[in-house]
Amino acid sequence: MVNPVSRILHDVGLAAWFGGTLSNAVALNAAAAETTSRADSGAVANAGWDRWTPVNAAAIGAHLVGSVGQLAGNSSRVANQKGVGTMAVVKTVTTVAALGATAYARVLGKKIDKHGAVPVTDGTTPSAATPPEVAGAQSQLSALQWAIPALTGALVVISAIAGEQQRSTAVLSGLVKRVTG
């Protein structure tokens, strides 16, 4: 049986991780272009991401604690109900990929941040005057800004499927299929 606190931590943490990174990709990075100078664009994007980082870290931590709690609470289902083990593996691999992408994005963000207010077009688009190291990091962040919400969005979908597997009819059907082959 899954502790309700684990489910809440899992869901709220994942919602913040997904929603925050999607919002920053859609709004913050683009809004940085609205400043009056190219140098300010980089500073604004850096400031926004620096403010988001501790919230994102807390969201990811809550999600991971909740995920471990859910896995522990569902350990017998994972072992005995057909399809649940596969779903758990897919979810774990997707989580690791999202964590890796998020960590790498933070490394790139810190690389950009250490250069201070450099001229950029927006949060992920260099200008002609952007230093090469910053431009390279921005190019990678341009893809990661969408990869992270895609991966965390996939986790939302996988979690919904996992929830469907907990319905009593799915549990009974899964156990029967496991026993009968």
N, C-alpha and C. Protein backbone atom coordinates (compact mmCIF):
# COMPACT_ATOMS: atom_id res chain seq x y z
N MET A 1 0.85 -1.19 0.00
CA MET A 1 0.00 0.00 0.00
C MET A 1 0.89 1.25 0.00
N VAL A 2 0.57 2.18 -0.86
CA VAL A 2 1.35 3.40 -0.98
C VAL A 2 0.88 4.43 0.05
N ASN A 3 1.83 4.98 0.76
CA ASN A 3 1.57 6.05 1.70
C ASN A 3 1.09 7.27 0.92
N PRO A 4 -0.01 7.91 1.33
CA PRO A 4 -0.49 9.08 0.58
C PRO A 4 0.53 10.21 0.51
N VAL A 5 1.38 10.35 1.50
CA VAL A 5 2.40 11.39 1.47
C VAL A 5 3.37 11.14 0.32
N SER A 6 3.69 9.87 0.08
CA SER A 6 4.58 9.54 -1.05
C SER A 6 3.94 9.95 -2.36
N ARG A 7 2.66 9.68 -2.51
CA ARG A 7 1.95 10.05 -3.75
C ARG A 7 1.93 11.56 -3.93
N ILE A 8 1.68 12.29 -2.84
CA ILE A 8 1.64 13.75 -2.91
C ILE A 8 3.01 14.31 -3.28
N LEU A 9 4.06 13.84 -2.59
CA LEU A 9 5.41 14.32 -2.91
C LEU A 9 5.77 14.02 -4.36
N HIS A 10 5.46 12.81 -4.80
CA HIS A 10 5.73 12.41 -6.18
C HIS A 10 5.03 13.35 -7.16
N ASP A 11 3.74 13.53 -6.97
CA ASP A 11 2.93 14.28 -7.93
C ASP A 11 3.23 15.79 -7.90
N VAL A 12 3.31 16.36 -6.72
CA VAL A 12 3.56 17.81 -6.62
C VAL A 12 4.98 18.12 -7.10
N GLY A 13 5.95 17.30 -6.71
CA GLY A 13 7.32 17.51 -7.17
C GLY A 13 7.43 17.42 -8.69
N LEU A 14 6.80 16.42 -9.27
CA LEU A 14 6.83 16.25 -10.73
C LEU A 14 6.10 17.40 -11.42
N ALA A 15 4.98 17.82 -10.86
CA ALA A 15 4.23 18.94 -11.46
C ALA A 15 5.07 20.21 -11.49
N ALA A 16 5.78 20.49 -10.40
CA ALA A 16 6.61 21.69 -10.36
C ALA A 16 7.81 21.57 -11.30
N TRP A 17 8.42 20.40 -11.33
CA TRP A 17 9.58 20.18 -12.22
C TRP A 17 9.17 20.38 -13.68
N PHE A 18 8.07 19.74 -14.07
CA PHE A 18 7.56 19.85 -15.44
C PHE A 18 7.11 21.28 -15.74
N GLY A 19 6.23 21.80 -14.91
CA GLY A 19 5.64 23.11 -15.17
C GLY A 19 6.65 24.24 -15.13
N GLY A 20 7.56 24.19 -14.19
CA GLY A 20 8.55 25.26 -14.08
C GLY A 20 9.50 25.30 -15.26
N THR A 21 9.97 24.12 -15.67
CA THR A 21 10.90 24.12 -16.80
C THR A 21 10.19 24.48 -18.10
N LEU A 22 8.95 24.05 -18.25
CA LEU A 22 8.18 24.41 -19.44
C LEU A 22 7.92 25.92 -19.46
N SER A 23 7.53 26.46 -18.33
CA SER A 23 7.28 27.90 -18.25
C SER A 23 8.53 28.70 -18.56
N ASN A 24 9.65 28.29 -18.01
CA ASN A 24 10.89 29.03 -18.27
C ASN A 24 11.30 28.92 -19.75
N ALA A 25 11.08 27.77 -20.36
CA ALA A 25 11.41 27.61 -21.79
C ALA A 25 10.50 28.48 -22.65
N VAL A 26 9.21 28.49 -22.32
CA VAL A 26 8.25 29.25 -23.11
C VAL A 26 8.35 30.74 -22.84
N ALA A 27 8.49 31.12 -21.57
CA ALA A 27 8.36 32.53 -21.21
C ALA A 27 9.67 33.22 -20.84
N LEU A 28 10.40 32.68 -19.89
CA LEU A 28 11.57 33.38 -19.38
C LEU A 28 12.64 33.58 -20.45
N ASN A 29 13.02 32.51 -21.13
CA ASN A 29 14.08 32.64 -22.12
C ASN A 29 13.69 33.62 -23.23
N ALA A 30 12.46 33.55 -23.68
CA ALA A 30 12.01 34.48 -24.72
C ALA A 30 11.84 35.90 -24.19
N ALA A 31 11.35 36.03 -22.96
CA ALA A 31 11.13 37.36 -22.38
C ALA A 31 12.44 38.11 -22.18
N ALA A 32 13.52 37.37 -22.02
CA ALA A 32 14.84 38.02 -21.85
C ALA A 32 15.18 38.88 -23.06
N ALA A 33 14.61 38.57 -24.21
CA ALA A 33 14.86 39.37 -25.42
C ALA A 33 14.18 40.73 -25.37
N GLU A 34 13.27 40.94 -24.45
CA GLU A 34 12.52 42.18 -24.36
C GLU A 34 13.27 43.30 -23.65
N THR A 35 14.47 43.03 -23.19
CA THR A 35 15.24 44.08 -22.51
C THR A 35 15.73 45.11 -23.52
N THR A 36 16.21 46.22 -23.01
CA THR A 36 16.65 47.30 -23.89
C THR A 36 18.06 47.09 -24.42
N SER A 37 18.83 46.17 -23.83
CA SER A 37 20.19 45.92 -24.34
C SER A 37 20.45 44.42 -24.37
N ARG A 38 21.25 43.98 -25.32
CA ARG A 38 21.61 42.56 -25.45
C ARG A 38 22.32 42.05 -24.21
N ALA A 39 23.15 42.88 -23.58
CA ALA A 39 23.85 42.44 -22.36
C ALA A 39 22.85 42.19 -21.23
N ASP A 40 21.80 43.02 -21.16
CA ASP A 40 20.78 42.81 -20.14
C ASP A 40 19.99 41.53 -20.37
N SER A 41 19.84 41.13 -21.62
CA SER A 41 19.10 39.91 -21.94
C SER A 41 19.71 38.71 -21.23
N GLY A 42 21.01 38.57 -21.31
CA GLY A 42 21.69 37.46 -20.64
C GLY A 42 21.56 37.54 -19.13
N ALA A 43 21.70 38.75 -18.58
CA ALA A 43 21.59 38.93 -17.14
C ALA A 43 20.19 38.58 -16.63
N VAL A 44 19.17 38.97 -17.39
CA VAL A 44 17.79 38.67 -16.99
C VAL A 44 17.53 37.17 -17.02
N ALA A 45 17.94 36.50 -18.08
CA ALA A 45 17.76 35.05 -18.16
C ALA A 45 18.51 34.34 -17.04
N ASN A 46 19.75 34.77 -16.78
CA ASN A 46 20.53 34.16 -15.70
C ASN A 46 19.85 34.35 -14.35
N ALA A 47 19.37 35.56 -14.09
CA ALA A 47 18.71 35.84 -12.81
C ALA A 47 17.46 34.98 -12.64
N GLY A 48 16.68 34.85 -13.69
CA GLY A 48 15.48 34.02 -13.61
C GLY A 48 15.79 32.56 -13.33
N TRP A 49 16.74 32.01 -14.07
CA TRP A 49 17.11 30.62 -13.86
C TRP A 49 17.75 30.41 -12.50
N ASP A 50 18.55 31.37 -12.04
CA ASP A 50 19.16 31.25 -10.71
C ASP A 50 18.10 31.24 -9.61
N ARG A 51 17.02 32.00 -9.81
CA ARG A 51 15.93 32.00 -8.83
C ARG A 51 15.12 30.70 -8.90
N TRP A 52 15.01 30.12 -10.05
CA TRP A 52 14.24 28.90 -10.22
C TRP A 52 15.00 27.69 -9.67
N THR A 53 16.31 27.68 -9.73
CA THR A 53 17.11 26.51 -9.39
C THR A 53 16.80 25.92 -8.01
N PRO A 54 16.75 26.70 -6.92
CA PRO A 54 16.45 26.06 -5.62
C PRO A 54 15.04 25.48 -5.55
N VAL A 55 14.10 26.14 -6.20
CA VAL A 55 12.73 25.60 -6.23
C VAL A 55 12.71 24.30 -7.03
N ASN A 56 13.40 24.30 -8.15
CA ASN A 56 13.47 23.10 -8.98
C ASN A 56 14.14 21.95 -8.23
N ALA A 57 15.22 22.27 -7.50
CA ALA A 57 15.92 21.24 -6.72
C ALA A 57 14.99 20.65 -5.66
N ALA A 58 14.22 21.50 -5.00
CA ALA A 58 13.26 21.01 -4.00
C ALA A 58 12.18 20.15 -4.65
N ALA A 59 11.70 20.59 -5.82
CA ALA A 59 10.67 19.83 -6.54
C ALA A 59 11.21 18.46 -6.94
N ILE A 60 12.41 18.43 -7.46
CA ILE A 60 13.01 17.15 -7.87
C ILE A 60 13.22 16.26 -6.66
N GLY A 61 13.70 16.85 -5.57
CA GLY A 61 13.88 16.07 -4.34
C GLY A 61 12.58 15.47 -3.85
N ALA A 62 11.52 16.28 -3.83
CA ALA A 62 10.20 15.79 -3.40
C ALA A 62 9.74 14.66 -4.32
N HIS A 63 9.91 14.86 -5.62
CA HIS A 63 9.50 13.83 -6.58
C HIS A 63 10.26 12.52 -6.33
N LEU A 64 11.56 12.61 -6.12
CA LEU A 64 12.36 11.40 -5.91
C LEU A 64 12.00 10.70 -4.60
N VAL A 65 11.81 11.46 -3.53
CA VAL A 65 11.39 10.86 -2.26
C VAL A 65 10.04 10.17 -2.43
N GLY A 66 9.11 10.86 -3.09
CA GLY A 66 7.80 10.26 -3.34
C GLY A 66 7.88 9.03 -4.23
N SER A 67 8.75 9.07 -5.23
CA SER A 67 8.91 7.93 -6.13
C SER A 67 9.42 6.70 -5.38
N VAL A 68 10.41 6.91 -4.52
CA VAL A 68 10.95 5.80 -3.73
C VAL A 68 9.86 5.25 -2.81
N GLY A 69 9.10 6.15 -2.19
CA GLY A 69 8.00 5.70 -1.33
C GLY A 69 6.95 4.91 -2.08
N GLN A 70 6.62 5.37 -3.30
CA GLN A 70 5.64 4.64 -4.11
C GLN A 70 6.18 3.28 -4.52
N LEU A 71 7.44 3.23 -4.91
CA LEU A 71 8.03 1.96 -5.32
C LEU A 71 8.04 0.98 -4.15
N ALA A 72 8.40 1.46 -2.97
CA ALA A 72 8.39 0.59 -1.79
C ALA A 72 6.97 0.10 -1.48
N GLY A 73 6.02 1.02 -1.57
CA GLY A 73 4.63 0.64 -1.29
C GLY A 73 4.03 -0.29 -2.32
N ASN A 74 4.57 -0.27 -3.52
CA ASN A 74 4.06 -1.12 -4.60
C ASN A 74 4.97 -2.31 -4.91
N SER A 75 5.89 -2.61 -4.03
CA SER A 75 6.88 -3.65 -4.33
C SER A 75 6.25 -5.00 -4.66
N SER A 76 5.18 -5.37 -3.98
CA SER A 76 4.55 -6.65 -4.29
C SER A 76 3.86 -6.60 -5.66
N ARG A 77 3.28 -5.46 -6.00
CA ARG A 77 2.68 -5.33 -7.33
C ARG A 77 3.75 -5.38 -8.41
N VAL A 78 4.88 -4.72 -8.16
CA VAL A 78 5.97 -4.74 -9.14
C VAL A 78 6.43 -6.17 -9.39
N ALA A 79 6.50 -6.96 -8.33
CA ALA A 79 6.97 -8.34 -8.46
C ALA A 79 5.92 -9.28 -9.02
N ASN A 80 4.65 -9.00 -8.77
CA ASN A 80 3.62 -9.99 -9.08
C ASN A 80 2.61 -9.62 -10.16
N GLN A 81 2.38 -8.35 -10.40
CA GLN A 81 1.36 -7.96 -11.37
C GLN A 81 1.99 -7.74 -12.74
N LYS A 82 1.48 -8.41 -13.73
CA LYS A 82 2.01 -8.32 -15.09
C LYS A 82 1.98 -6.87 -15.58
N GLY A 83 3.10 -6.43 -16.12
CA GLY A 83 3.22 -5.10 -16.69
C GLY A 83 3.72 -4.03 -15.74
N VAL A 84 3.59 -4.25 -14.45
CA VAL A 84 3.98 -3.22 -13.48
C VAL A 84 5.50 -3.11 -13.40
N GLY A 85 6.19 -4.23 -13.43
CA GLY A 85 7.66 -4.20 -13.40
C GLY A 85 8.23 -3.46 -14.60
N THR A 86 7.67 -3.74 -15.77
CA THR A 86 8.13 -3.06 -16.99
C THR A 86 7.88 -1.57 -16.90
N MET A 87 6.69 -1.20 -16.41
CA MET A 87 6.36 0.22 -16.24
C MET A 87 7.34 0.87 -15.27
N ALA A 88 7.69 0.18 -14.19
CA ALA A 88 8.62 0.74 -13.20
C ALA A 88 10.00 0.97 -13.81
N VAL A 89 10.44 0.04 -14.66
CA VAL A 89 11.74 0.19 -15.32
C VAL A 89 11.71 1.37 -16.29
N VAL A 90 10.66 1.47 -17.10
CA VAL A 90 10.53 2.58 -18.05
C VAL A 90 10.50 3.92 -17.30
N LYS A 91 9.77 3.95 -16.21
CA LYS A 91 9.67 5.18 -15.42
C LYS A 91 11.03 5.54 -14.81
N THR A 92 11.74 4.56 -14.32
CA THR A 92 13.06 4.80 -13.73
C THR A 92 14.05 5.31 -14.77
N VAL A 93 14.07 4.69 -15.94
CA VAL A 93 14.97 5.12 -17.01
C VAL A 93 14.63 6.55 -17.46
N THR A 94 13.36 6.85 -17.57
CA THR A 94 12.93 8.20 -17.97
C THR A 94 13.30 9.21 -16.90
N THR A 95 13.15 8.84 -15.64
CA THR A 95 13.53 9.72 -14.53
C THR A 95 15.02 10.01 -14.57
N VAL A 96 15.83 8.98 -14.77
CA VAL A 96 17.28 9.16 -14.83
C VAL A 96 17.65 10.07 -16.01
N ALA A 97 16.99 9.89 -17.14
CA ALA A 97 17.25 10.75 -18.30
C ALA A 97 16.88 12.20 -17.99
N ALA A 98 15.74 12.42 -17.34
CA ALA A 98 15.32 13.78 -16.98
C ALA A 98 16.28 14.40 -15.97
N LEU A 99 16.73 13.60 -15.01
CA LEU A 99 17.71 14.09 -14.04
C LEU A 99 19.02 14.47 -14.72
N GLY A 100 19.48 13.63 -15.63
CA GLY A 100 20.71 13.91 -16.35
C GLY A 100 20.61 15.17 -17.19
N ALA A 101 19.50 15.31 -17.90
CA ALA A 101 19.30 16.51 -18.72
C ALA A 101 19.22 17.76 -17.85
N THR A 102 18.54 17.66 -16.72
CA THR A 102 18.41 18.79 -15.81
C THR A 102 19.78 19.18 -15.23
N ALA A 103 20.53 18.18 -14.80
CA ALA A 103 21.86 18.45 -14.23
C ALA A 103 22.78 19.08 -15.28
N TYR A 104 22.75 18.55 -16.49
CA TYR A 104 23.61 19.09 -17.54
C TYR A 104 23.18 20.51 -17.90
N ALA A 105 21.89 20.77 -17.92
CA ALA A 105 21.41 22.13 -18.18
C ALA A 105 21.91 23.09 -17.10
N ARG A 106 21.95 22.63 -15.87
CA ARG A 106 22.44 23.49 -14.79
C ARG A 106 23.93 23.76 -14.96
N VAL A 107 24.72 22.75 -15.35
CA VAL A 107 26.14 22.95 -15.60
C VAL A 107 26.33 24.00 -16.69
N LEU A 108 25.56 23.88 -17.77
CA LEU A 108 25.64 24.86 -18.86
C LEU A 108 25.21 26.25 -18.39
N GLY A 109 24.16 26.29 -17.58
CA GLY A 109 23.68 27.56 -17.05
C GLY A 109 24.73 28.24 -16.19
N LYS A 110 25.43 27.47 -15.38
CA LYS A 110 26.49 28.04 -14.55
C LYS A 110 27.64 28.54 -15.41
N LYS A 111 27.93 27.83 -16.50
CA LYS A 111 28.99 28.27 -17.43
C LYS A 111 28.62 29.64 -18.02
N ILE A 112 27.36 29.80 -18.38
CA ILE A 112 26.90 31.08 -18.92
C ILE A 112 26.90 32.15 -17.83
N ASP A 113 26.41 31.78 -16.67
CA ASP A 113 26.27 32.71 -15.55
C ASP A 113 27.62 33.30 -15.13
N LYS A 114 28.67 32.49 -15.18
CA LYS A 114 29.99 32.99 -14.72
C LYS A 114 30.53 34.10 -15.63
N HIS A 115 30.01 34.21 -16.84
CA HIS A 115 30.44 35.26 -17.76
C HIS A 115 29.71 36.58 -17.51
N GLY A 116 28.70 36.54 -16.64
CA GLY A 116 27.98 37.77 -16.30
C GLY A 116 27.10 38.26 -17.44
N ALA A 117 26.96 39.56 -17.53
CA ALA A 117 26.07 40.19 -18.51
C ALA A 117 26.77 40.26 -19.87
N VAL A 118 26.61 39.20 -20.64
CA VAL A 118 27.17 39.19 -21.99
C VAL A 118 26.05 39.42 -22.99
N PRO A 119 26.37 39.95 -24.16
CA PRO A 119 25.31 40.20 -25.15
C PRO A 119 24.77 38.89 -25.73
N VAL A 120 23.47 38.71 -25.65
CA VAL A 120 22.77 37.55 -26.23
C VAL A 120 21.47 38.05 -26.83
N THR A 121 20.87 37.24 -27.68
CA THR A 121 19.58 37.61 -28.24
C THR A 121 18.47 37.33 -27.23
N ASP A 122 18.48 36.14 -26.64
CA ASP A 122 17.56 35.80 -25.57
C ASP A 122 18.23 34.73 -24.71
N GLY A 123 17.46 34.07 -23.84
CA GLY A 123 18.05 33.13 -22.90
C GLY A 123 18.79 31.96 -23.52
N THR A 124 18.46 31.60 -24.74
CA THR A 124 19.12 30.45 -25.36
C THR A 124 19.63 30.74 -26.77
N THR A 125 19.62 31.98 -27.17
CA THR A 125 20.05 32.34 -28.52
C THR A 125 21.18 33.35 -28.45
N PRO A 126 22.37 32.98 -28.92
CA PRO A 126 23.48 33.93 -28.89
C PRO A 126 23.29 35.03 -29.95
N SER A 127 23.96 36.14 -29.72
CA SER A 127 24.02 37.20 -30.74
C SER A 127 25.40 37.12 -31.39
N ALA A 128 25.63 37.95 -32.36
CA ALA A 128 26.94 37.96 -33.04
C ALA A 128 28.06 38.32 -32.07
N ALA A 129 27.73 39.05 -31.00
CA ALA A 129 28.75 39.49 -30.04
C ALA A 129 28.88 38.56 -28.82
N THR A 130 28.16 37.47 -28.80
CA THR A 130 28.22 36.54 -27.67
C THR A 130 29.56 35.80 -27.69
N PRO A 131 30.26 35.74 -26.55
CA PRO A 131 31.52 34.98 -26.50
C PRO A 131 31.28 33.53 -26.92
N PRO A 132 32.24 32.91 -27.61
CA PRO A 132 32.05 31.55 -28.13
C PRO A 132 31.66 30.51 -27.07
N GLU A 133 32.26 30.58 -25.88
CA GLU A 133 31.94 29.60 -24.84
C GLU A 133 30.47 29.72 -24.41
N VAL A 134 29.99 30.95 -24.31
CA VAL A 134 28.59 31.18 -23.94
C VAL A 134 27.68 30.75 -25.09
N ALA A 135 28.06 31.09 -26.31
CA ALA A 135 27.25 30.71 -27.48
C ALA A 135 27.11 29.19 -27.58
N GLY A 136 28.19 28.46 -27.33
CA GLY A 136 28.12 27.00 -27.37
C GLY A 136 27.19 26.44 -26.30
N ALA A 137 27.29 27.00 -25.09
CA ALA A 137 26.41 26.54 -24.01
C ALA A 137 24.96 26.88 -24.33
N GLN A 138 24.72 28.07 -24.89
CA GLN A 138 23.36 28.45 -25.25
C GLN A 138 22.78 27.53 -26.32
N SER A 139 23.59 27.14 -27.27
CA SER A 139 23.11 26.24 -28.32
C SER A 139 22.65 24.92 -27.72
N GLN A 140 23.41 24.40 -26.77
CA GLN A 140 23.00 23.16 -26.12
C GLN A 140 21.75 23.36 -25.26
N LEU A 141 21.69 24.49 -24.57
CA LEU A 141 20.51 24.79 -23.75
C LEU A 141 19.25 24.98 -24.59
N SER A 142 19.43 25.42 -25.82
CA SER A 142 18.30 25.60 -26.71
C SER A 142 17.54 24.28 -26.90
N ALA A 143 18.27 23.19 -27.00
CA ALA A 143 17.63 21.87 -27.12
C ALA A 143 17.16 21.35 -25.77
N LEU A 144 17.99 21.52 -24.75
CA LEU A 144 17.64 21.01 -23.42
C LEU A 144 16.41 21.68 -22.83
N GLN A 145 16.18 22.96 -23.17
CA GLN A 145 15.02 23.64 -22.61
C GLN A 145 13.72 22.95 -23.00
N TRP A 146 13.74 22.22 -24.11
CA TRP A 146 12.55 21.47 -24.55
C TRP A 146 12.65 20.00 -24.18
N ALA A 147 13.86 19.47 -24.08
CA ALA A 147 14.03 18.06 -23.73
C ALA A 147 13.57 17.79 -22.29
N ILE A 148 13.86 18.70 -21.39
CA ILE A 148 13.49 18.47 -19.99
C ILE A 148 11.97 18.44 -19.81
N PRO A 149 11.22 19.42 -20.32
CA PRO A 149 9.76 19.29 -20.20
C PRO A 149 9.21 18.07 -20.96
N ALA A 150 9.86 17.69 -22.07
CA ALA A 150 9.40 16.49 -22.78
C ALA A 150 9.59 15.24 -21.91
N LEU A 151 10.74 15.14 -21.27
CA LEU A 151 11.00 13.98 -20.42
C LEU A 151 10.11 13.98 -19.17
N THR A 152 9.97 15.14 -18.53
CA THR A 152 9.12 15.18 -17.35
C THR A 152 7.64 15.04 -17.73
N GLY A 153 7.27 15.54 -18.91
CA GLY A 153 5.91 15.31 -19.40
C GLY A 153 5.67 13.83 -19.65
N ALA A 154 6.68 13.13 -20.17
CA ALA A 154 6.57 11.68 -20.34
C ALA A 154 6.38 11.00 -18.99
N LEU A 155 7.04 11.52 -17.96
CA LEU A 155 6.85 10.95 -16.61
C LEU A 155 5.42 11.16 -16.12
N VAL A 156 4.82 12.29 -16.47
CA VAL A 156 3.42 12.52 -16.10
C VAL A 156 2.54 11.45 -16.76
N VAL A 157 2.79 11.18 -18.03
CA VAL A 157 2.01 10.17 -18.76
C VAL A 157 2.24 8.78 -18.16
N ILE A 158 3.49 8.44 -17.92
CA ILE A 158 3.81 7.13 -17.33
C ILE A 158 3.15 6.99 -15.97
N SER A 159 3.16 8.06 -15.19
CA SER A 159 2.53 8.02 -13.87
C SER A 159 1.02 7.81 -13.98
N ALA A 160 0.41 8.40 -14.99
CA ALA A 160 -1.03 8.19 -15.21
C ALA A 160 -1.30 6.73 -15.57
N ILE A 161 -0.45 6.16 -16.41
CA ILE A 161 -0.60 4.74 -16.75
C ILE A 161 -0.42 3.88 -15.51
N ALA A 162 0.58 4.23 -14.69
CA ALA A 162 0.81 3.48 -13.45
C ALA A 162 -0.42 3.56 -12.54
N GLY A 163 -1.05 4.72 -12.49
CA GLY A 163 -2.26 4.86 -11.70
C GLY A 163 -3.38 3.96 -12.20
N GLU A 164 -3.49 3.83 -13.52
CA GLU A 164 -4.51 2.94 -14.09
C GLU A 164 -4.21 1.48 -13.74
N GLN A 165 -2.94 1.14 -13.62
CA GLN A 165 -2.58 -0.24 -13.26
C GLN A 165 -2.96 -0.57 -11.83
N GLN A 166 -3.28 0.43 -11.03
CA GLN A 166 -3.66 0.20 -9.64
C GLN A 166 -5.16 -0.03 -9.45
N ARG A 167 -5.92 0.20 -10.51
CA ARG A 167 -7.36 -0.07 -10.39
C ARG A 167 -7.56 -1.55 -10.06
N SER A 168 -8.55 -1.83 -9.27
CA SER A 168 -8.74 -3.21 -8.81
C SER A 168 -8.91 -4.18 -9.98
N THR A 169 -9.58 -3.78 -11.04
CA THR A 169 -9.74 -4.68 -12.18
C THR A 169 -8.41 -4.94 -12.87
N ALA A 170 -7.55 -3.92 -12.96
CA ALA A 170 -6.24 -4.10 -13.56
C ALA A 170 -5.34 -4.96 -12.69
N VAL A 171 -5.43 -4.78 -11.39
CA VAL A 171 -4.62 -5.59 -10.46
C VAL A 171 -5.02 -7.05 -10.60
N LEU A 172 -6.32 -7.34 -10.56
CA LEU A 172 -6.79 -8.71 -10.66
C LEU A 172 -6.41 -9.31 -12.00
N SER A 173 -6.63 -8.59 -13.08
CA SER A 173 -6.29 -9.07 -14.41
C SER A 173 -4.79 -9.32 -14.52
N GLY A 174 -3.98 -8.41 -14.01
CA GLY A 174 -2.52 -8.56 -14.06
C GLY A 174 -2.03 -9.74 -13.27
N LEU A 175 -2.64 -9.98 -12.11
CA LEU A 175 -2.23 -11.11 -11.30
C LEU A 175 -2.63 -12.43 -11.97
N VAL A 176 -3.83 -12.48 -12.54
CA VAL A 176 -4.27 -13.69 -13.26
C VAL A 176 -3.35 -13.98 -14.44
N LYS A 177 -3.01 -12.95 -15.22
CA LYS A 177 -2.11 -13.16 -16.36
C LYS A 177 -0.74 -13.61 -15.90
N ARG A 178 -0.27 -13.12 -14.80
CA ARG A 178 1.04 -13.52 -14.28
C ARG A 178 1.01 -15.00 -13.88
N VAL A 179 -0.07 -15.42 -13.24
CA VAL A 179 -0.19 -16.81 -12.78
C VAL A 179 -0.42 -17.78 -13.95
N THR A 180 -1.27 -17.36 -14.91
CA THR A 180 -1.61 -18.27 -15.99
C THR A 180 -0.66 -18.18 -17.17
N GLY A 181 0.19 -17.15 -17.18
CA GLY A 181 1.16 -17.01 -18.28
C GLY A 181 0.54 -16.37 -19.45
